[in-house]
Amino acid sequence: MIWLTWRQFRVQAWAALGGIAVVAIAFVVTGGSLAHLYDVSGLASCVAVKDCEKAQIAFADGVNADAAYSVLYFVGIVVLYLAPAVIGMFWGAPLVARELEAGTFRLTWSQSVTRTRWLAVKLGLVGVAAVLAAGLLSLAVTWWSSPIDRANGLPGQDHGLALPNRFMPLVFGARDIAPIGYAAFAFALGVSVGVLVRRTMTAMAVTLAVLAVVQMVVPMSVRAHYIAPARTTTALTMSAGVPSQIRINRDRMDVSKPVSIPGAWVTAVQTVDVAGHPFTGRAPQACQSMRDSPAECDTEINQLHLRQVVTYQPADRYWTFQWYETAIYLSLALAMAGLCLWRIRRLPLS
């Protein structure tokens, strides 16, 4: 049974191995020079000497000097989001649906191999391959990106690269162990859909659609609630040379300042008045008049005594979130594997 499963799966396996090799070579070739830039920039010791801003600028200048670094940074993210989709569509969906659609299951299930063993071997062999493929890709991308991720977790990162840190929704799913959970979930989802719809092409399309929805809903609506977020409140003081954003719609004003919390995932920034209510007041006259200077606008805003409330997930929760999310996806994968077993044991041979 194992040999038969391997023969059916070997083309996909060799194709995946070739793809992983290409990705690994691209990252290994450039990864050493990126790590060298981190070392010579002074970031490794900047916290001790309390001069991370200068080191961040030096590192950013080195990275920005070669466009290949930014391209590979985002290529790694794309690869690790596409991998689960490919696994679910081309490994999971056809695994059982192809047998059901062609009718070959009747011959297989009438032999000495039980349905439970038949499914267990298929799920085990291909599922392990899916997890290994995602794990190897994540290892290569995470290793290559580690200098950038470390830089984004140090003070002064707002003076460095304009790249999201590893806790941000765009990057989180393309680092460390999370891709393993996604791959297992995508594979189990594809198999489950194939068992239920019994049509290969339909199963592939449904799998892709469900994965797309899940990959959008979880980062935007679910992940932030794994742990209650932290909050910090600071005075919103306007001054010359300090970046700020002022938007005036008719006579109403929205005002805020950039937030810098190294390595954190900032989920919300809100400006409140002295009573703690969201600020929705009128814009000061100096901010609406063309005759008044920006300094006069800043002065009138400061007289409002506004504060800025920042809601965020601290950087030290990153690995907790990685384990939470991976465990959730692995649990869903196991539940769907149980659903497949339950359904297959009740399918008639006729």
Protein backbone atom coordinates (compact mmCIF):
# COMPACT_ATOMS: atom_id res chain seq x y z
CA MET A 1 0.00 0.00 0.00
CA ILE A 2 2.85 2.36 0.83
CA TRP A 3 4.59 1.52 -2.46
CA LEU A 4 1.39 2.12 -4.44
CA THR A 5 0.82 5.47 -2.76
CA TRP A 6 4.40 6.49 -3.49
CA ARG A 7 4.07 5.57 -7.16
CA GLN A 8 0.92 7.68 -7.43
CA PHE A 9 2.54 10.61 -5.63
CA ARG A 10 6.14 10.52 -6.84
CA VAL A 11 5.72 13.08 -9.66
CA GLN A 12 4.34 15.69 -7.24
CA ALA A 13 7.04 14.81 -4.72
CA TRP A 14 9.91 15.30 -7.17
CA ALA A 15 8.37 18.53 -8.47
CA ALA A 16 8.10 19.86 -4.92
CA LEU A 17 11.68 18.86 -4.14
CA GLY A 18 12.88 20.68 -7.24
CA GLY A 19 10.93 23.81 -6.33
CA ILE A 20 12.30 23.78 -2.77
CA ALA A 21 15.84 23.39 -4.10
CA VAL A 22 15.45 26.42 -6.39
CA VAL A 23 14.08 28.58 -3.55
CA ALA A 24 16.76 27.39 -1.12
CA ILE A 25 19.59 28.13 -3.56
CA ALA A 26 18.29 31.66 -4.22
CA PHE A 27 18.16 32.44 -0.51
CA VAL A 28 21.41 30.72 0.45
CA VAL A 29 23.37 32.59 -2.23
CA THR A 30 22.27 36.00 -0.89
CA GLY A 31 21.67 35.15 2.77
CA GLY A 32 25.33 35.33 3.79
CA SER A 33 25.79 38.87 2.47
CA LEU A 34 22.59 40.02 4.20
CA ALA A 35 23.82 38.60 7.51
CA HIS A 36 27.17 40.35 6.94
CA LEU A 37 25.39 43.69 6.48
CA TYR A 38 23.68 43.16 9.83
CA ASP A 39 26.98 42.39 11.56
CA VAL A 40 28.94 45.35 10.18
CA SER A 41 26.07 47.83 10.76
CA GLY A 42 26.52 47.60 14.52
CA LEU A 43 22.98 46.40 15.22
CA ALA A 44 24.24 43.41 17.18
CA SER A 45 25.63 45.70 19.90
CA CYS A 46 23.55 48.85 19.46
CA VAL A 47 21.33 48.25 22.48
CA ALA A 48 24.34 48.09 24.80
CA VAL A 49 25.81 51.33 23.45
CA LYS A 50 22.38 52.96 23.14
CA ASP A 51 22.90 54.05 19.54
CA CYS A 52 20.55 51.90 17.46
CA GLU A 53 19.35 54.76 15.25
CA LYS A 54 22.72 55.14 13.54
CA ALA A 55 23.08 51.36 13.16
CA GLN A 56 19.56 51.07 11.73
CA ILE A 57 20.33 53.69 9.10
CA ALA A 58 23.58 51.96 8.17
CA PHE A 59 21.84 48.60 7.80
CA ALA A 60 18.98 50.11 5.79
CA ASP A 61 21.41 51.85 3.46
CA GLY A 62 23.20 48.57 2.80
CA VAL A 63 19.97 46.67 2.10
CA ASN A 64 18.46 49.41 -0.05
CA ALA A 65 21.62 49.56 -2.15
CA ASP A 66 20.72 46.18 -3.67
CA ALA A 67 17.13 45.81 -4.90
CA ALA A 68 17.48 42.02 -4.80
CA TYR A 69 17.09 42.04 -1.00
CA SER A 70 13.68 43.72 -1.05
CA VAL A 71 12.54 41.52 -3.93
CA LEU A 72 13.57 38.32 -2.16
CA TYR A 73 11.97 39.51 1.08
CA PHE A 74 8.56 39.68 -0.58
CA VAL A 75 9.19 36.63 -2.78
CA GLY A 76 9.65 34.59 0.39
CA ILE A 77 6.30 35.80 1.71
CA VAL A 78 4.54 35.00 -1.57
CA VAL A 79 6.08 31.52 -1.76
CA LEU A 80 4.96 30.60 1.74
CA TYR A 81 1.40 31.80 1.11
CA LEU A 82 1.20 29.97 -2.22
CA ALA A 83 2.64 26.71 -0.86
CA PRO A 84 -0.44 25.75 1.23
CA ALA A 85 -2.72 26.58 -1.71
CA VAL A 86 -0.68 24.37 -4.03
CA ILE A 87 -0.62 21.57 -1.46
CA GLY A 88 -4.35 21.75 -0.86
CA MET A 89 -5.31 21.95 -4.53
CA PHE A 90 -2.86 19.56 -6.15
CA TRP A 91 -1.99 17.15 -3.33
CA GLY A 92 -5.07 17.11 -1.12
CA ALA A 93 -8.08 17.58 -3.42
CA PRO A 94 -7.23 14.81 -5.94
CA LEU A 95 -6.00 12.30 -3.36
CA VAL A 96 -9.36 10.63 -2.78
CA ALA A 97 -11.59 12.53 -5.24
CA ARG A 98 -9.66 11.05 -8.17
CA GLU A 99 -10.32 7.51 -6.92
CA LEU A 100 -14.00 8.23 -6.31
CA GLU A 101 -14.47 9.97 -9.65
CA ALA A 102 -12.77 7.21 -11.65
CA GLY A 103 -14.42 4.42 -9.66
CA THR A 104 -11.12 2.69 -8.87
CA PHE A 105 -12.02 2.70 -5.17
CA ARG A 106 -14.36 -0.25 -5.80
CA LEU A 107 -11.43 -2.48 -6.75
CA THR A 108 -9.18 -1.21 -3.99
CA TRP A 109 -11.72 -1.52 -1.20
CA SER A 110 -12.77 -5.01 -2.23
CA GLN A 111 -9.23 -6.31 -1.63
CA SER A 112 -7.59 -7.27 1.66
CA VAL A 113 -6.64 -3.66 2.49
CA THR A 114 -9.24 -2.07 4.74
CA ARG A 115 -10.60 1.39 4.05
CA THR A 116 -9.09 2.68 7.28
CA ARG A 117 -5.62 1.46 6.38
CA TRP A 118 -5.99 2.70 2.79
CA LEU A 119 -6.84 6.21 3.94
CA ALA A 120 -4.32 6.21 6.79
CA VAL A 121 -1.44 5.38 4.44
CA LYS A 122 -2.47 8.02 1.92
CA LEU A 123 -3.01 10.72 4.52
CA GLY A 124 0.13 9.78 6.44
CA LEU A 125 2.56 9.61 3.53
CA VAL A 126 1.35 12.63 1.57
CA GLY A 127 0.51 14.62 4.70
CA VAL A 128 4.01 14.19 6.11
CA ALA A 129 5.44 15.23 2.73
CA ALA A 130 3.26 18.36 2.79
CA VAL A 131 4.42 19.31 6.29
CA LEU A 132 8.08 18.66 5.40
CA ALA A 133 7.82 20.74 2.22
CA ALA A 134 6.31 23.69 4.08
CA GLY A 135 8.80 23.31 6.91
CA LEU A 136 11.80 23.36 4.58
CA LEU A 137 10.52 26.40 2.72
CA SER A 138 9.84 28.21 5.98
CA LEU A 139 13.30 27.29 7.28
CA ALA A 140 14.97 28.81 4.22
CA VAL A 141 12.87 31.99 4.21
CA THR A 142 13.03 32.50 7.98
CA TRP A 143 16.81 32.03 8.04
CA TRP A 144 17.33 34.47 5.17
CA SER A 145 14.98 37.09 6.66
CA SER A 146 16.31 36.83 10.21
CA PRO A 147 18.67 39.87 9.95
CA ILE A 148 15.76 42.05 8.79
CA ASP A 149 13.44 40.61 11.42
CA ARG A 150 16.01 41.22 14.16
CA ALA A 151 16.54 44.79 12.97
CA ASN A 152 12.79 45.43 13.05
CA GLY A 153 12.71 44.28 16.67
CA LEU A 154 15.35 46.75 17.88
CA PRO A 155 14.97 50.41 18.93
CA GLY A 156 15.17 52.93 16.11
CA GLN A 157 13.56 50.62 13.58
CA ASP A 158 11.50 53.56 12.31
CA HIS A 159 14.79 55.03 11.03
CA GLY A 160 15.66 51.81 9.21
CA LEU A 161 13.97 49.67 6.59
CA ALA A 162 10.46 50.35 5.40
CA LEU A 163 9.63 46.65 5.68
CA PRO A 164 6.99 45.14 8.00
CA ASN A 165 8.18 43.27 11.07
CA ARG A 166 7.57 39.56 11.49
CA PHE A 167 4.54 40.06 13.78
CA MET A 168 2.57 42.00 11.17
CA PRO A 169 -0.28 40.10 9.43
CA LEU A 170 1.46 40.11 6.05
CA VAL A 171 4.64 38.50 7.38
CA PHE A 172 3.49 36.38 10.34
CA GLY A 173 2.25 33.48 8.19
CA ALA A 174 5.55 33.30 6.30
CA ARG A 175 7.81 32.71 9.28
CA ASP A 176 8.87 29.91 11.62
CA ILE A 177 6.33 27.14 12.40
CA ALA A 178 3.06 28.72 11.24
CA PRO A 179 3.49 27.54 7.60
CA ILE A 180 3.60 23.95 8.87
CA GLY A 181 0.15 24.34 10.39
CA TYR A 182 -1.16 26.01 7.23
CA ALA A 183 0.18 23.19 5.03
CA ALA A 184 -1.39 20.47 7.19
CA PHE A 185 -4.70 22.34 7.23
CA ALA A 186 -4.66 22.96 3.47
CA PHE A 187 -3.89 19.32 2.72
CA ALA A 188 -6.61 18.00 5.04
CA LEU A 189 -9.06 20.55 3.67
CA GLY A 190 -8.37 19.45 0.10
CA VAL A 191 -8.85 15.79 0.98
CA SER A 192 -12.07 16.52 2.89
CA VAL A 193 -13.57 18.57 0.08
CA GLY A 194 -12.61 15.85 -2.39
CA VAL A 195 -14.32 13.19 -0.27
CA LEU A 196 -17.49 15.27 -0.01
CA VAL A 197 -17.85 16.55 -3.61
CA ARG A 198 -16.23 13.51 -5.33
CA ARG A 199 -15.13 15.63 -8.32
CA THR A 200 -11.45 16.53 -8.66
CA MET A 201 -11.73 19.88 -10.44
CA THR A 202 -14.60 21.03 -8.24
CA ALA A 203 -12.68 20.01 -5.14
CA MET A 204 -9.63 21.97 -6.27
CA ALA A 205 -11.68 25.12 -6.89
CA VAL A 206 -13.54 24.87 -3.57
CA THR A 207 -10.29 24.23 -1.69
CA LEU A 208 -8.67 27.33 -3.17
CA ALA A 209 -11.71 29.47 -2.36
CA VAL A 210 -11.90 28.30 1.25
CA LEU A 211 -8.17 28.76 1.79
CA ALA A 212 -8.33 32.29 0.39
CA VAL A 213 -11.15 33.19 2.77
CA VAL A 214 -9.38 31.64 5.77
CA GLN A 215 -6.10 33.40 4.99
CA MET A 216 -7.90 36.74 4.95
CA VAL A 217 -10.25 36.25 7.90
CA VAL A 218 -7.80 34.80 10.43
CA PRO A 219 -5.13 37.57 10.28
CA MET A 220 -7.66 40.40 10.17
CA SER A 221 -10.41 39.20 12.51
CA VAL A 222 -9.21 36.26 14.64
CA ARG A 223 -5.48 36.41 15.38
CA ALA A 224 -5.54 39.64 17.37
CA HIS A 225 -7.89 38.03 19.92
CA TYR A 226 -5.67 35.09 20.92
CA ILE A 227 -4.52 37.22 23.87
CA ALA A 228 -6.05 40.45 25.13
CA PRO A 229 -4.00 43.28 23.60
CA ALA A 230 -1.87 45.72 25.55
CA ARG A 231 -2.63 49.44 25.55
CA THR A 232 -0.54 52.51 26.09
CA THR A 233 -1.60 56.14 26.28
CA THR A 234 0.68 59.06 25.50
CA ALA A 235 0.18 62.80 25.16
CA LEU A 236 -0.31 63.91 21.57
CA THR A 237 2.16 66.79 21.45
CA MET A 238 2.80 68.50 18.13
CA SER A 239 6.16 70.11 17.44
CA ALA A 240 8.29 71.16 14.50
CA GLY A 241 10.35 68.38 12.95
CA VAL A 242 8.23 65.60 14.47
CA PRO A 243 6.16 63.65 11.90
CA SER A 244 2.41 63.95 12.27
CA GLN A 245 -0.73 63.52 10.22
CA ILE A 246 -3.52 66.08 10.17
CA ARG A 247 -6.64 65.52 8.08
CA ILE A 248 -9.38 68.14 7.93
CA ASN A 249 -12.74 67.26 6.43
CA ARG A 250 -14.78 70.43 6.26
CA ASP A 251 -14.24 71.71 9.79
CA ARG A 252 -13.59 68.36 11.48
CA MET A 253 -10.07 67.20 12.23
CA ASP A 254 -8.30 63.86 12.57
CA VAL A 255 -4.81 64.08 14.00
CA SER A 256 -2.26 61.42 14.88
CA LYS A 257 1.46 60.74 15.16
CA PRO A 258 3.44 57.70 13.95
CA VAL A 259 3.76 54.89 16.48
CA SER A 260 7.09 53.18 17.11
CA ILE A 261 7.00 50.02 19.24
CA PRO A 262 9.88 47.75 18.12
CA GLY A 263 8.74 44.32 16.97
CA ALA A 264 5.13 44.85 18.05
CA TRP A 265 1.94 44.38 16.09
CA VAL A 266 0.03 47.65 16.40
CA THR A 267 -3.66 46.87 15.87
CA ALA A 268 -5.24 50.27 16.54
CA VAL A 269 -4.29 53.91 17.10
CA GLN A 270 -6.94 56.28 18.41
CA THR A 271 -6.85 59.94 19.39
CA VAL A 272 -8.93 60.81 22.47
CA ASP A 273 -9.83 64.01 24.29
CA VAL A 274 -9.21 64.86 27.96
CA ALA A 275 -12.28 62.82 28.96
CA GLY A 276 -11.00 59.73 27.15
CA HIS A 277 -13.58 59.91 24.36
CA PRO A 278 -12.62 59.57 20.68
CA PHE A 279 -11.72 63.01 19.40
CA THR A 280 -14.18 64.27 16.79
CA GLY A 281 -13.89 67.99 17.43
CA ARG A 282 -13.52 70.98 15.20
CA ALA A 283 -10.20 71.84 13.68
CA PRO A 284 -8.51 74.86 15.29
CA GLN A 285 -8.79 78.05 13.28
CA ALA A 286 -5.03 78.22 12.80
CA CYS A 287 -5.10 74.83 11.07
CA GLN A 288 -7.79 75.96 8.62
CA SER A 289 -6.39 79.37 7.78
CA MET A 290 -3.87 79.81 5.00
CA ARG A 291 -2.48 82.87 6.81
CA ASP A 292 -1.37 80.99 9.93
CA SER A 293 1.87 79.04 10.12
CA PRO A 294 2.21 75.29 10.88
CA ALA A 295 3.71 76.23 14.26
CA GLU A 296 0.55 78.16 15.17
CA CYS A 297 -1.56 75.15 14.13
CA ASP A 298 0.61 72.90 16.35
CA THR A 299 0.20 75.28 19.29
CA GLU A 300 -3.59 75.30 19.05
CA ILE A 301 -3.72 71.50 18.77
CA ASN A 302 -1.53 71.17 21.87
CA GLN A 303 -3.97 73.38 23.78
CA LEU A 304 -6.62 70.69 23.24
CA HIS A 305 -4.59 68.30 25.47
CA LEU A 306 -5.26 65.34 23.22
CA ARG A 307 -3.87 61.89 23.89
CA GLN A 308 -3.12 58.93 21.66
CA VAL A 309 -4.20 55.43 22.68
CA VAL A 310 -2.24 52.61 21.03
CA THR A 311 -3.55 49.04 21.08
CA TYR A 312 -0.92 46.44 20.27
CA GLN A 313 0.44 42.95 20.74
CA PRO A 314 3.95 43.19 22.27
CA ALA A 315 6.90 41.64 20.46
CA ASP A 316 7.47 39.08 23.25
CA ARG A 317 4.14 37.44 22.39
CA TYR A 318 5.25 36.52 18.88
CA TRP A 319 6.15 32.91 19.65
CA THR A 320 3.03 32.43 21.77
CA PHE A 321 0.95 33.47 18.77
CA GLN A 322 2.98 31.17 16.50
CA TRP A 323 2.25 28.18 18.74
CA TYR A 324 -1.42 29.12 19.18
CA GLU A 325 -2.05 29.46 15.47
CA THR A 326 -0.11 26.35 14.51
CA ALA A 327 -1.98 24.32 17.14
CA ILE A 328 -5.33 25.60 15.86
CA TYR A 329 -4.57 24.66 12.26
CA LEU A 330 -3.17 21.25 13.22
CA SER A 331 -6.27 20.54 15.32
CA LEU A 332 -8.51 21.46 12.39
CA ALA A 333 -6.46 19.19 10.14
CA LEU A 334 -6.88 16.26 12.53
CA ALA A 335 -10.61 16.93 12.79
CA MET A 336 -10.95 16.91 9.01
CA ALA A 337 -8.93 13.70 8.78
CA GLY A 338 -11.45 12.14 11.18
CA LEU A 339 -14.29 13.43 9.01
CA CYS A 340 -12.71 11.81 5.94
CA LEU A 341 -12.36 8.49 7.72
CA TRP A 342 -15.97 8.61 8.93
CA ARG A 343 -17.26 9.43 5.47
CA ILE A 344 -15.18 6.87 3.58
CA ARG A 345 -16.16 4.03 5.92
CA ARG A 346 -19.80 4.70 5.01
CA LEU A 347 -19.49 5.03 1.24
CA PRO A 348 -21.17 2.17 -0.61
CA LEU A 349 -19.21 0.20 -3.19
CA SER A 350 -22.11 0.14 -5.62
